[in-house]
Amino acid sequence: MADGLVGSRDNGRVRDSHGIDAIRYDWTRTEAQTLYDLPFADLMFRAQSAHRANFDPNHVETASLLSIKTGGCPEDCGYCSQSAHYDTGLKATKLMAQADVVATARRARDAGAARFCMAAAWRNPKERDLDEVCGMVSAVKELGMETCVTLGMLTGPQAARLREAGLDFYNHNVDTSPEFYDHIITTRTLQDRIDTLARVREAGIKVCCGGIIGMGEAVDDRLGMLVLLANLPDHPESVPINLWNEVKGVPVNDTAERPDPISLARLVAVARIMMPQSVVRLSAGRQYMTDELQALCFLAGANSIFIGDVLLTTKNPQAARDANLLDRLGMTSRLNRAPA
């Protein structure tokens, strides 16, 4: 292969003039499967090479997630403890007061979080609620943190208002592959999600979009989810990969199967290769992961985690454990600079 040729190919692999994997938006399922099936050492080498070409391989981004409005959601997402369709024992709450949100964000910043994510269990925000959320975004921004919200579906004007308030990222996951989607959700189509992502992009907000694994989907569905993300007009700036957390009372309990650890590392590596400039975040479910598996995922190209004891309504590893792991791996993060 002649590395000096822009867009040169080698067995289907596209490289730029420097011999680095090119940014692509035309991935196929077959190509994704071929990557996934590579000998493990070869897959990890290729993922680590892509990672090093775009990021500091020894740095991990830290974010914190707060549920600002919990439960009572009208959507029927079959994995979610906050859906009003299922009896999960979760009590619905009203939208938090801005002062309480800002106080939580300040504690998260002081604990080592660089980004503060605010989540509300809505199908879509009402205008009066959006007014309050915009105030929260502006106030958190003043703390010197990156801001992210997930509020359900948005109209174009709503996305523009959030951008004016100082919002950096909008989280709206596709959750799974197009083929498996209808097995999990019926009240919101996949196209609804794609349309919201387009409105967020048009407003000038960065996109945080990933999905969930371990709900009973096949490996082909996991790869299909990555192909969907990698073939968007622009790759998401952040790609969260969530392991499904066990929730009593939801339909996914009947189909859920926790992924094999090696298969998770393979999936992270494929995400890194297909979206080389995206931050890949180990999100929900890290409490199920050993330190060794997390280290393997970092090697595969994951470079972001949520810190804090709780993610919305599920558990998360304690910050002290995260700091200890990153220290043993020689990796840096804002946790290293947090007060003792």
C-alpha atoms as a PDB file:
ATOM      1  CA  MET A   1       0.000   0.000   0.000  1.00  0.00           C
ATOM      2  CA  ALA A   2       1.226   3.504  -0.839  1.00  0.00           C
ATOM      3  CA  ASP A   3       0.666   5.577   2.296  1.00  0.00           C
ATOM      4  CA  GLY A   4       1.266   8.781   0.382  1.00  0.00           C
ATOM      5  CA  LEU A   5      -1.976   8.381  -1.569  1.00  0.00           C
ATOM      6  CA  VAL A   6      -4.998  10.136  -0.075  1.00  0.00           C
ATOM      7  CA  GLY A   7      -7.799   7.643   0.482  1.00  0.00           C
ATOM      8  CA  SER A   8      -5.698   4.665  -0.520  1.00  0.00           C
ATOM      9  CA  ARG A   9      -7.165   1.236   0.224  1.00  0.00           C
ATOM     10  CA  ASP A  10      -5.628  -1.918   1.629  1.00  0.00           C
ATOM     11  CA  ASN A  11      -8.036  -4.845   1.877  1.00  0.00           C
ATOM     12  CA  GLY A  12     -10.921  -2.437   2.369  1.00  0.00           C
ATOM     13  CA  ARG A  13      -9.022  -0.253   4.825  1.00  0.00           C
ATOM     14  CA  VAL A  14      -8.969   3.445   3.892  1.00  0.00           C
ATOM     15  CA  ARG A  15      -6.018   5.569   4.981  1.00  0.00           C
ATOM     16  CA  ASP A  16      -5.118   9.220   4.574  1.00  0.00           C
ATOM     17  CA  SER A  17      -1.851  10.606   3.191  1.00  0.00           C
ATOM     18  CA  HIS A  18      -0.121   9.941   6.530  1.00  0.00           C
ATOM     19  CA  GLY A  19      -1.101   6.278   6.638  1.00  0.00           C
ATOM     20  CA  ILE A  20      -3.708   6.884   9.376  1.00  0.00           C
ATOM     21  CA  ASP A  21      -7.216   5.426   9.169  1.00  0.00           C
ATOM     22  CA  ALA A  22      -9.346   7.992   7.341  1.00  0.00           C
ATOM     23  CA  ILE A  23     -12.571   9.410   8.746  1.00  0.00           C
ATOM     24  CA  ARG A  24     -15.380   7.539   7.038  1.00  0.00           C
ATOM     25  CA  TYR A  25     -19.179   7.746   6.916  1.00  0.00           C
ATOM     26  CA  ASP A  26     -19.832   4.767   4.643  1.00  0.00           C
ATOM     27  CA  TRP A  27     -19.235   1.746   6.879  1.00  0.00           C
ATOM     28  CA  THR A  28     -21.003  -1.532   6.158  1.00  0.00           C
ATOM     29  CA  ARG A  29     -22.085  -4.279   8.537  1.00  0.00           C
ATOM     30  CA  THR A  30     -19.692  -6.647   6.787  1.00  0.00           C
ATOM     31  CA  GLU A  31     -16.748  -4.312   7.433  1.00  0.00           C
ATOM     32  CA  ALA A  32     -17.757  -3.894  11.076  1.00  0.00           C
ATOM     33  CA  GLN A  33     -18.007  -7.659  11.501  1.00  0.00           C
ATOM     34  CA  THR A  34     -14.620  -8.146   9.835  1.00  0.00           C
ATOM     35  CA  LEU A  35     -13.054  -5.733  12.306  1.00  0.00           C
ATOM     36  CA  TYR A  36     -14.794  -7.392  15.242  1.00  0.00           C
ATOM     37  CA  ASP A  37     -13.568 -10.830  14.154  1.00  0.00           C
ATOM     38  CA  LEU A  38      -9.904  -9.849  13.825  1.00  0.00           C
ATOM     39  CA  PRO A  39      -7.451 -11.747  16.022  1.00  0.00           C
ATOM     40  CA  PHE A  40      -7.660  -9.941  19.336  1.00  0.00           C
ATOM     41  CA  ALA A  41      -4.081  -8.641  19.302  1.00  0.00           C
ATOM     42  CA  ASP A  42      -4.533  -7.267  15.780  1.00  0.00           C
ATOM     43  CA  LEU A  43      -7.813  -5.582  16.681  1.00  0.00           C
ATOM     44  CA  MET A  44      -6.336  -3.990  19.786  1.00  0.00           C
ATOM     45  CA  PHE A  45      -3.267  -2.793  17.876  1.00  0.00           C
ATOM     46  CA  ARG A  46      -5.377  -1.180  15.193  1.00  0.00           C
ATOM     47  CA  ALA A  47      -7.713   0.443  17.758  1.00  0.00           C
ATOM     48  CA  GLN A  48      -4.798   1.708  19.853  1.00  0.00           C
ATOM     49  CA  SER A  49      -3.152   3.123  16.728  1.00  0.00           C
ATOM     50  CA  ALA A  50      -6.329   5.042  15.855  1.00  0.00           C
ATOM     51  CA  HIS A  51      -6.613   6.183  19.454  1.00  0.00           C
ATOM     52  CA  ARG A  52      -3.052   7.505  19.596  1.00  0.00           C
ATOM     53  CA  ALA A  53      -3.493   9.330  16.294  1.00  0.00           C
ATOM     54  CA  ASN A  54      -6.349  11.378  17.755  1.00  0.00           C
ATOM     55  CA  PHE A  55      -6.073  11.465  21.562  1.00  0.00           C
ATOM     56  CA  ASP A  56      -3.635  11.342  24.437  1.00  0.00           C
ATOM     57  CA  PRO A  57      -3.771   7.579  25.098  1.00  0.00           C
ATOM     58  CA  ASN A  58      -3.030   8.092  28.783  1.00  0.00           C
ATOM     59  CA  HIS A  59      -5.816  10.557  29.580  1.00  0.00           C
ATOM     60  CA  VAL A  60      -9.405   9.827  30.593  1.00  0.00           C
ATOM     61  CA  GLU A  61     -12.187  12.407  30.468  1.00  0.00           C
ATOM     62  CA  THR A  62     -14.425  12.589  33.546  1.00  0.00           C
ATOM     63  CA  ALA A  63     -18.092  13.557  33.613  1.00  0.00           C
ATOM     64  CA  SER A  64     -20.860  13.565  36.204  1.00  0.00           C
ATOM     65  CA  LEU A  65     -24.536  12.764  35.627  1.00  0.00           C
ATOM     66  CA  LEU A  66     -27.499  14.035  37.648  1.00  0.00           C
ATOM     67  CA  SER A  67     -31.183  13.181  37.294  1.00  0.00           C
ATOM     68  CA  ILE A  68     -32.861  16.579  37.562  1.00  0.00           C
ATOM     69  CA  LYS A  69     -36.333  15.102  37.040  1.00  0.00           C
ATOM     70  CA  THR A  70     -36.808  11.431  37.879  1.00  0.00           C
ATOM     71  CA  GLY A  71     -39.514   8.948  36.888  1.00  0.00           C
ATOM     72  CA  GLY A  72     -42.961   9.264  35.380  1.00  0.00           C
ATOM     73  CA  CYS A  73     -41.720   9.139  31.788  1.00  0.00           C
ATOM     74  CA  PRO A  74     -44.485   8.361  29.232  1.00  0.00           C
ATOM     75  CA  GLU A  75     -42.102   6.385  26.988  1.00  0.00           C
ATOM     76  CA  ASP A  76     -42.136   2.582  27.188  1.00  0.00           C
ATOM     77  CA  CYS A  77     -38.380   1.925  26.849  1.00  0.00           C
ATOM     78  CA  GLY A  78     -38.187  -1.688  28.004  1.00  0.00           C
ATOM     79  CA  TYR A  79     -34.924  -1.224  29.896  1.00  0.00           C
ATOM     80  CA  CYS A  80     -35.778   1.867  31.918  1.00  0.00           C
ATOM     81  CA  SER A  81     -36.651   2.156  35.591  1.00  0.00           C
ATOM     82  CA  GLN A  82     -38.168   5.599  34.959  1.00  0.00           C
ATOM     83  CA  SER A  83     -40.902   4.537  32.540  1.00  0.00           C
ATOM     84  CA  ALA A  84     -44.445   5.077  33.821  1.00  0.00           C
ATOM     85  CA  HIS A  85     -45.448   1.884  31.989  1.00  0.00           C
ATOM     86  CA  TYR A  86     -43.736  -0.386  34.531  1.00  0.00           C
ATOM     87  CA  ASP A  87     -43.875  -0.889  38.282  1.00  0.00           C
ATOM     88  CA  THR A  88     -40.229  -0.548  39.264  1.00  0.00           C
ATOM     89  CA  GLY A  89     -40.769   0.938  42.714  1.00  0.00           C
ATOM     90  CA  LEU A  90     -39.331   4.271  41.602  1.00  0.00           C
ATOM     91  CA  LYS A  91     -41.156   7.363  42.814  1.00  0.00           C
ATOM     92  CA  ALA A  92     -41.561  10.172  40.298  1.00  0.00           C
ATOM     93  CA  THR A  93     -40.191  13.566  41.300  1.00  0.00           C
ATOM     94  CA  LYS A  94     -40.608  17.137  40.154  1.00  0.00           C
ATOM     95  CA  LEU A  95     -37.895  19.125  38.413  1.00  0.00           C
ATOM     96  CA  MET A  96     -35.114  20.027  40.852  1.00  0.00           C
ATOM     97  CA  ALA A  97     -34.555  23.607  41.925  1.00  0.00           C
ATOM     98  CA  GLN A  98     -31.743  25.389  40.128  1.00  0.00           C
ATOM     99  CA  ALA A  99     -29.856  26.099  43.352  1.00  0.00           C
ATOM    100  CA  ASP A 100     -29.758  22.395  44.199  1.00  0.00           C
ATOM    101  CA  VAL A 101     -28.557  21.477  40.708  1.00  0.00           C
ATOM    102  CA  VAL A 102     -25.778  24.071  40.821  1.00  0.00           C
ATOM    103  CA  ALA A 103     -24.692  22.927  44.288  1.00  0.00           C
ATOM    104  CA  THR A 104     -24.464  19.342  43.002  1.00  0.00           C
ATOM    105  CA  ALA A 105     -22.511  20.488  39.944  1.00  0.00           C
ATOM    106  CA  ARG A 106     -20.069  22.387  42.131  1.00  0.00           C
ATOM    107  CA  ARG A 107     -19.444  19.282  44.247  1.00  0.00           C
ATOM    108  CA  ALA A 108     -18.952  17.226  41.078  1.00  0.00           C
ATOM    109  CA  ARG A 109     -16.453  19.765  39.744  1.00  0.00           C
ATOM    110  CA  ASP A 110     -14.541  19.744  43.005  1.00  0.00           C
ATOM    111  CA  ALA A 111     -14.534  15.924  42.944  1.00  0.00           C
ATOM    112  CA  GLY A 112     -12.898  15.921  39.520  1.00  0.00           C
ATOM    113  CA  ALA A 113     -15.673  16.114  36.899  1.00  0.00           C
ATOM    114  CA  ALA A 114     -14.993  18.209  33.807  1.00  0.00           C
ATOM    115  CA  ARG A 115     -18.498  17.867  32.329  1.00  0.00           C
ATOM    116  CA  PHE A 116     -21.844  18.013  34.115  1.00  0.00           C
ATOM    117  CA  CYS A 117     -24.754  16.173  32.516  1.00  0.00           C
ATOM    118  CA  MET A 118     -28.376  16.842  33.508  1.00  0.00           C
ATOM    119  CA  ALA A 119     -31.082  14.304  32.660  1.00  0.00           C
ATOM    120  CA  ALA A 120     -34.853  14.690  32.820  1.00  0.00           C
ATOM    121  CA  ALA A 121     -37.309  11.826  32.306  1.00  0.00           C
ATOM    122  CA  TRP A 122     -39.436  13.487  29.633  1.00  0.00           C
ATOM    123  CA  ARG A 123     -40.670  12.517  26.189  1.00  0.00           C
ATOM    124  CA  ASN A 124     -39.997  16.144  25.283  1.00  0.00           C
ATOM    125  CA  PRO A 125     -39.638  19.270  27.445  1.00  0.00           C
ATOM    126  CA  LYS A 126     -42.500  21.718  27.956  1.00  0.00           C
ATOM    127  CA  GLU A 127     -41.633  25.351  27.403  1.00  0.00           C
ATOM    128  CA  ARG A 128     -41.886  26.299  31.076  1.00  0.00           C
ATOM    129  CA  ASP A 129     -39.564  23.427  31.986  1.00  0.00           C
ATOM    130  CA  LEU A 130     -37.133  24.406  29.248  1.00  0.00           C
ATOM    131  CA  ASP A 131     -36.927  27.893  30.749  1.00  0.00           C
ATOM    132  CA  GLU A 132     -35.726  26.366  34.015  1.00  0.00           C
ATOM    133  CA  VAL A 133     -33.296  23.996  32.342  1.00  0.00           C
ATOM    134  CA  CYS A 134     -31.764  26.850  30.337  1.00  0.00           C
ATOM    135  CA  GLY A 135     -31.173  28.677  33.616  1.00  0.00           C
ATOM    136  CA  MET A 136     -29.456  25.583  35.016  1.00  0.00           C
ATOM    137  CA  VAL A 137     -27.253  25.275  31.938  1.00  0.00           C
ATOM    138  CA  SER A 138     -26.105  28.880  32.187  1.00  0.00           C
ATOM    139  CA  ALA A 139     -25.426  28.593  35.907  1.00  0.00           C
ATOM    140  CA  VAL A 140     -23.402  25.362  35.543  1.00  0.00           C
ATOM    141  CA  LYS A 141     -21.485  26.902  32.662  1.00  0.00           C
ATOM    142  CA  GLU A 142     -20.425  29.710  34.985  1.00  0.00           C
ATOM    143  CA  LEU A 143     -18.737  27.109  37.205  1.00  0.00           C
ATOM    144  CA  GLY A 144     -16.273  26.470  34.387  1.00  0.00           C
ATOM    145  CA  MET A 145     -17.708  23.071  33.439  1.00  0.00           C
ATOM    146  CA  GLU A 146     -18.822  21.662  30.119  1.00  0.00           C
ATOM    147  CA  THR A 147     -22.590  21.253  30.054  1.00  0.00           C
ATOM    148  CA  CYS A 148     -24.752  18.423  28.741  1.00  0.00           C
ATOM    149  CA  VAL A 149     -28.466  17.688  28.990  1.00  0.00           C
ATOM    150  CA  THR A 150     -30.773  14.879  27.928  1.00  0.00           C
ATOM    151  CA  LEU A 151     -34.411  15.895  27.827  1.00  0.00           C
ATOM    152  CA  GLY A 152     -35.975  13.677  25.177  1.00  0.00           C
ATOM    153  CA  MET A 153     -37.025  14.910  21.770  1.00  0.00           C
ATOM    154  CA  LEU A 154     -36.456  18.555  20.809  1.00  0.00           C
ATOM    155  CA  THR A 155     -37.842  20.966  18.265  1.00  0.00           C
ATOM    156  CA  GLY A 156     -35.468  23.200  16.330  1.00  0.00           C
ATOM    157  CA  PRO A 157     -36.334  26.334  18.366  1.00  0.00           C
ATOM    158  CA  GLN A 158     -35.837  24.420  21.627  1.00  0.00           C
ATOM    159  CA  ALA A 159     -32.380  23.297  20.526  1.00  0.00           C
ATOM    160  CA  ALA A 160     -31.527  26.884  19.593  1.00  0.00           C
ATOM    161  CA  ARG A 161     -32.607  28.107  23.025  1.00  0.00           C
ATOM    162  CA  LEU A 162     -30.394  25.568  24.745  1.00  0.00           C
ATOM    163  CA  ARG A 163     -27.446  26.644  22.618  1.00  0.00           C
ATOM    164  CA  GLU A 164     -28.061  30.276  23.537  1.00  0.00           C
ATOM    165  CA  ALA A 165     -28.037  29.266  27.212  1.00  0.00           C
ATOM    166  CA  GLY A 166     -24.523  27.861  26.738  1.00  0.00           C
ATOM    167  CA  LEU A 167     -25.188  24.160  26.239  1.00  0.00           C
ATOM    168  CA  ASP A 168     -22.164  22.254  24.940  1.00  0.00           C
ATOM    169  CA  PHE A 169     -23.549  18.721  24.438  1.00  0.00           C
ATOM    170  CA  TYR A 170     -26.931  17.104  23.969  1.00  0.00           C
ATOM    171  CA  ASN A 171     -27.306  13.409  24.808  1.00  0.00           C
ATOM    172  CA  HIS A 172     -29.836  11.431  22.792  1.00  0.00           C
ATOM    173  CA  ASN A 173     -28.970   7.755  22.404  1.00  0.00           C
ATOM    174  CA  VAL A 174     -30.100   5.526  19.544  1.00  0.00           C
ATOM    175  CA  ASP A 175     -29.996   2.683  22.103  1.00  0.00           C
ATOM    176  CA  THR A 176     -29.537  -0.269  19.716  1.00  0.00           C
ATOM    177  CA  SER A 177     -29.589  -1.357  16.086  1.00  0.00           C
ATOM    178  CA  PRO A 178     -32.434  -0.425  13.725  1.00  0.00           C
ATOM    179  CA  GLU A 179     -33.443  -4.100  13.599  1.00  0.00           C
ATOM    180  CA  PHE A 180     -33.627  -4.579  17.380  1.00  0.00           C
ATOM    181  CA  TYR A 181     -35.066  -1.155  18.195  1.00  0.00           C
ATOM    182  CA  ASP A 182     -38.759  -2.133  17.965  1.00  0.00           C
ATOM    183  CA  HIS A 183     -38.159  -4.980  20.419  1.00  0.00           C
ATOM    184  CA  ILE A 184     -37.235  -2.401  23.061  1.00  0.00           C
ATOM    185  CA  ILE A 185     -39.308   0.731  22.380  1.00  0.00           C
ATOM    186  CA  THR A 186     -42.663   1.387  20.690  1.00  0.00           C
ATOM    187  CA  THR A 187     -43.579   4.924  21.791  1.00  0.00           C
ATOM    188  CA  ARG A 188     -40.735   6.691  19.970  1.00  0.00           C
ATOM    189  CA  THR A 189     -39.307   5.688  16.608  1.00  0.00           C
ATOM    190  CA  LEU A 190     -35.661   5.522  15.731  1.00  0.00           C
ATOM    191  CA  GLN A 191     -36.311   8.224  13.146  1.00  0.00           C
ATOM    192  CA  ASP A 192     -37.629  10.476  15.939  1.00  0.00           C
ATOM    193  CA  ARG A 193     -34.227  10.143  17.566  1.00  0.00           C
ATOM    194  CA  ILE A 194     -32.350  10.824  14.330  1.00  0.00           C
ATOM    195  CA  ASP A 195     -34.474  13.925  13.732  1.00  0.00           C
ATOM    196  CA  THR A 196     -33.646  15.297  17.190  1.00  0.00           C
ATOM    197  CA  LEU A 197     -29.934  14.695  16.585  1.00  0.00           C
ATOM    198  CA  ALA A 198     -30.197  16.678  13.335  1.00  0.00           C
ATOM    199  CA  ARG A 199     -31.909  19.593  15.102  1.00  0.00           C
ATOM    200  CA  VAL A 200     -29.224  19.599  17.781  1.00  0.00           C
ATOM    201  CA  ARG A 201     -26.517  19.677  15.112  1.00  0.00           C
ATOM    202  CA  GLU A 202     -28.255  22.484  13.259  1.00  0.00           C
ATOM    203  CA  ALA A 203     -28.333  24.529  16.464  1.00  0.00           C
ATOM    204  CA  GLY A 204     -24.562  24.167  16.842  1.00  0.00           C
ATOM    205  CA  ILE A 205     -24.609  21.819  19.835  1.00  0.00           C
ATOM    206  CA  LYS A 206     -22.242  18.849  20.055  1.00  0.00           C
ATOM    207  CA  VAL A 207     -23.790  15.398  20.068  1.00  0.00           C
ATOM    208  CA  CYS A 208     -23.480  12.678  22.704  1.00  0.00           C
ATOM    209  CA  CYS A 209     -25.034   9.516  21.282  1.00  0.00           C
ATOM    210  CA  GLY A 210     -24.504   5.838  21.919  1.00  0.00           C
ATOM    211  CA  GLY A 211     -26.486   2.891  23.177  1.00  0.00           C
ATOM    212  CA  ILE A 212     -26.984  -0.024  25.522  1.00  0.00           C
ATOM    213  CA  ILE A 213     -25.705  -3.581  25.273  1.00  0.00           C
ATOM    214  CA  GLY A 214     -26.757  -6.636  27.206  1.00  0.00           C
ATOM    215  CA  MET A 215     -30.519  -6.352  26.574  1.00  0.00           C
ATOM    216  CA  GLY A 216     -30.703  -9.623  24.653  1.00  0.00           C
ATOM    217  CA  GLU A 217     -29.498  -8.275  21.338  1.00  0.00           C
ATOM    218  CA  ALA A 218     -27.076 -10.183  19.102  1.00  0.00           C
ATOM    219  CA  VAL A 219     -23.515  -9.098  18.344  1.00  0.00           C
ATOM    220  CA  ASP A 220     -24.795  -8.105  14.903  1.00  0.00           C
ATOM    221  CA  ASP A 221     -27.165  -5.634  16.598  1.00  0.00           C
ATOM    222  CA  ARG A 222     -24.316  -4.091  18.583  1.00  0.00           C
ATOM    223  CA  LEU A 223     -22.320  -3.657  15.424  1.00  0.00           C
ATOM    224  CA  GLY A 224     -25.410  -2.338  13.655  1.00  0.00           C
ATOM    225  CA  MET A 225     -25.694   0.346  16.300  1.00  0.00           C
ATOM    226  CA  LEU A 226     -22.072   1.392  15.695  1.00  0.00           C
ATOM    227  CA  VAL A 227     -22.606   1.429  11.922  1.00  0.00           C
ATOM    228  CA  LEU A 228     -25.651   3.670  12.420  1.00  0.00           C
ATOM    229  CA  LEU A 229     -23.608   6.104  14.527  1.00  0.00           C
ATOM    230  CA  ALA A 230     -20.560   6.012  12.268  1.00  0.00           C
ATOM    231  CA  ASN A 231     -22.672   6.754   9.180  1.00  0.00           C
ATOM    232  CA  LEU A 232     -24.401   9.836  10.580  1.00  0.00           C
ATOM    233  CA  PRO A 233     -23.529  13.045   8.665  1.00  0.00           C
ATOM    234  CA  ASP A 234     -21.124  13.826  11.528  1.00  0.00           C
ATOM    235  CA  HIS A 235     -19.826  11.386  14.100  1.00  0.00           C
ATOM    236  CA  PRO A 236     -21.040  12.068  17.648  1.00  0.00           C
ATOM    237  CA  GLU A 237     -18.401  13.896  19.661  1.00  0.00           C
ATOM    238  CA  SER A 238     -19.164  11.500  22.523  1.00  0.00           C
ATOM    239  CA  VAL A 239     -20.222   7.857  22.191  1.00  0.00           C
ATOM    240  CA  PRO A 240     -21.423   6.350  25.494  1.00  0.00           C
ATOM    241  CA  ILE A 241     -21.467   2.564  25.678  1.00  0.00           C
ATOM    242  CA  ASN A 242     -23.781   1.399  28.449  1.00  0.00           C
ATOM    243  CA  LEU A 243     -24.065  -2.042  29.978  1.00  0.00           C
ATOM    244  CA  TRP A 244     -27.678  -2.645  30.900  1.00  0.00           C
ATOM    245  CA  ASN A 245     -28.237  -2.357  34.636  1.00  0.00           C
ATOM    246  CA  GLU A 246     -30.616  -4.874  36.135  1.00  0.00           C
ATOM    247  CA  VAL A 247     -33.977  -3.204  36.863  1.00  0.00           C
ATOM    248  CA  LYS A 248     -36.847  -5.091  38.462  1.00  0.00           C
ATOM    249  CA  GLY A 249     -40.193  -4.847  36.731  1.00  0.00           C
ATOM    250  CA  VAL A 250     -39.107  -4.008  33.169  1.00  0.00           C
ATOM    251  CA  PRO A 251     -39.460  -6.269  30.101  1.00  0.00           C
ATOM    252  CA  VAL A 252     -35.726  -6.414  29.343  1.00  0.00           C
ATOM    253  CA  ASN A 253     -35.339  -8.547  32.463  1.00  0.00           C
ATOM    254  CA  ASP A 254     -36.752 -11.413  30.404  1.00  0.00           C
ATOM    255  CA  THR A 255     -34.159 -11.140  27.627  1.00  0.00           C
ATOM    256  CA  ALA A 256     -31.093  -9.570  29.247  1.00  0.00           C
ATOM    257  CA  GLU A 257     -27.730 -11.310  29.031  1.00  0.00           C
ATOM    258  CA  ARG A 258     -24.546  -9.643  30.230  1.00  0.00           C
ATOM    259  CA  PRO A 259     -21.922  -9.504  27.469  1.00  0.00           C
ATOM    260  CA  ASP A 260     -18.768 -11.547  27.670  1.00  0.00           C
ATOM    261  CA  PRO A 261     -15.919  -9.233  28.790  1.00  0.00           C
ATOM    262  CA  ILE A 262     -13.826  -9.895  25.690  1.00  0.00           C
ATOM    263  CA  SER A 263     -16.815  -9.093  23.469  1.00  0.00           C
ATOM    264  CA  LEU A 264     -17.175  -5.735  25.237  1.00  0.00           C
ATOM    265  CA  ALA A 265     -13.510  -4.910  24.647  1.00  0.00           C
ATOM    266  CA  ARG A 266     -13.927  -5.878  20.994  1.00  0.00           C
ATOM    267  CA  LEU A 267     -16.946  -3.582  20.665  1.00  0.00           C
ATOM    268  CA  VAL A 268     -15.055  -0.644  22.187  1.00  0.00           C
ATOM    269  CA  ALA A 269     -12.186  -1.264  19.769  1.00  0.00           C
ATOM    270  CA  VAL A 270     -14.524  -1.307  16.768  1.00  0.00           C
ATOM    271  CA  ALA A 271     -16.144   1.938  17.956  1.00  0.00           C
ATOM    272  CA  ARG A 272     -12.711   3.539  18.245  1.00  0.00           C
ATOM    273  CA  ILE A 273     -11.691   2.471  14.727  1.00  0.00           C
ATOM    274  CA  MET A 274     -14.974   3.483  13.093  1.00  0.00           C
ATOM    275  CA  MET A 275     -15.225   6.824  14.924  1.00  0.00           C
ATOM    276  CA  PRO A 276     -11.579   7.673  15.600  1.00  0.00           C
ATOM    277  CA  GLN A 277     -12.133  11.276  16.704  1.00  0.00           C
ATOM    278  CA  SER A 278     -15.082  10.567  19.027  1.00  0.00           C
ATOM    279  CA  VAL A 279     -14.706  10.249  22.782  1.00  0.00           C
ATOM    280  CA  VAL A 280     -15.824   6.732  23.716  1.00  0.00           C
ATOM    281  CA  ARG A 281     -17.292   6.616  27.201  1.00  0.00           C
ATOM    282  CA  LEU A 282     -17.693   3.636  29.505  1.00  0.00           C
ATOM    283  CA  SER A 283     -21.047   4.676  30.954  1.00  0.00           C
ATOM    284  CA  ALA A 284     -23.660   2.738  32.925  1.00  0.00           C
ATOM    285  CA  GLY A 285     -22.760  -0.711  34.172  1.00  0.00           C
ATOM    286  CA  ARG A 286     -19.166  -0.099  35.207  1.00  0.00           C
ATOM    287  CA  GLN A 287     -19.979  -1.534  38.629  1.00  0.00           C
ATOM    288  CA  TYR A 288     -20.171  -4.904  36.868  1.00  0.00           C
ATOM    289  CA  MET A 289     -16.716  -4.477  35.323  1.00  0.00           C
ATOM    290  CA  THR A 290     -13.483  -5.611  36.940  1.00  0.00           C
ATOM    291  CA  ASP A 291     -10.509  -3.275  37.004  1.00  0.00           C
ATOM    292  CA  GLU A 292      -8.858  -5.557  34.468  1.00  0.00           C
ATOM    293  CA  LEU A 293     -11.785  -5.267  32.042  1.00  0.00           C
ATOM    294  CA  GLN A 294     -11.846  -1.483  32.361  1.00  0.00           C
ATOM    295  CA  ALA A 295      -8.114  -1.381  31.684  1.00  0.00           C
ATOM    296  CA  LEU A 296      -8.644  -3.524  28.585  1.00  0.00           C
ATOM    297  CA  CYS A 297     -11.365  -1.148  27.384  1.00  0.00           C
ATOM    298  CA  PHE A 298      -9.067   1.849  27.881  1.00  0.00           C
ATOM    299  CA  LEU A 299      -6.465   0.031  25.810  1.00  0.00           C
ATOM    300  CA  ALA A 300      -9.142  -0.550  23.159  1.00  0.00           C
ATOM    301  CA  GLY A 301      -9.797   3.177  22.950  1.00  0.00           C
ATOM    302  CA  ALA A 302     -12.307   4.115  25.645  1.00  0.00           C
ATOM    303  CA  ASN A 303     -11.305   7.472  27.099  1.00  0.00           C
ATOM    304  CA  SER A 304     -14.152   8.756  29.227  1.00  0.00           C
ATOM    305  CA  ILE A 305     -16.049   7.666  32.343  1.00  0.00           C
ATOM    306  CA  PHE A 306     -18.842   8.941  34.543  1.00  0.00           C
ATOM    307  CA  ILE A 307     -17.752   9.533  38.113  1.00  0.00           C
ATOM    308  CA  GLY A 308     -19.970   9.629  41.191  1.00  0.00           C
ATOM    309  CA  ASP A 309     -21.716   6.968  43.249  1.00  0.00           C
ATOM    310  CA  VAL A 310     -25.007   7.095  41.285  1.00  0.00           C
ATOM    311  CA  LEU A 311     -25.932   7.387  37.584  1.00  0.00           C
ATOM    312  CA  LEU A 312     -29.548   8.529  37.427  1.00  0.00           C
ATOM    313  CA  THR A 313     -31.099   5.604  39.348  1.00  0.00           C
ATOM    314  CA  THR A 314     -28.298   3.020  39.214  1.00  0.00           C
ATOM    315  CA  LYS A 315     -25.042   2.463  41.055  1.00  0.00           C
ATOM    316  CA  ASN A 316     -21.600   3.533  39.832  1.00  0.00           C
ATOM    317  CA  PRO A 317     -18.078   2.849  41.131  1.00  0.00           C
ATOM    318  CA  GLN A 318     -16.881   5.242  43.804  1.00  0.00           C
ATOM    319  CA  ALA A 319     -14.503   8.023  42.757  1.00  0.00           C
ATOM    320  CA  ALA A 320     -11.789   6.663  45.036  1.00  0.00           C
ATOM    321  CA  ARG A 321     -11.822   3.340  43.191  1.00  0.00           C
ATOM    322  CA  ASP A 322     -11.652   5.142  39.839  1.00  0.00           C
ATOM    323  CA  ALA A 323      -8.777   7.344  40.979  1.00  0.00           C
ATOM    324  CA  ASN A 324      -6.904   4.305  42.287  1.00  0.00           C
ATOM    325  CA  LEU A 325      -7.381   2.392  39.037  1.00  0.00           C
ATOM    326  CA  LEU A 326      -6.273   5.285  36.833  1.00  0.00           C
ATOM    327  CA  ASP A 327      -3.263   5.867  39.080  1.00  0.00           C
ATOM    328  CA  ARG A 328      -2.213   2.221  38.793  1.00  0.00           C
ATOM    329  CA  LEU A 329      -2.556   2.467  35.015  1.00  0.00           C
ATOM    330  CA  GLY A 330      -0.510   5.670  34.874  1.00  0.00           C
ATOM    331  CA  MET A 331      -3.447   7.514  33.338  1.00  0.00           C
ATOM    332  CA  THR A 332      -4.359  11.124  34.040  1.00  0.00           C
ATOM    333  CA  SER A 333      -7.755  12.735  34.583  1.00  0.00           C
ATOM    334  CA  ARG A 334      -9.234  15.556  36.586  1.00  0.00           C
ATOM    335  CA  LEU A 335      -9.530  13.045  39.423  1.00  0.00           C
ATOM    336  CA  ASN A 336      -5.778  13.419  39.852  1.00  0.00           C
ATOM    337  CA  ARG A 337      -6.295  17.120  40.596  1.00  0.00           C
ATOM    338  CA  ALA A 338      -9.339  16.775  42.853  1.00  0.00           C
ATOM    339  CA  PRO A 339      -8.850  17.714  46.533  1.00  0.00           C
ATOM    340  CA  ALA A 340      -8.052  14.779  48.759  1.00  0.00           C
END
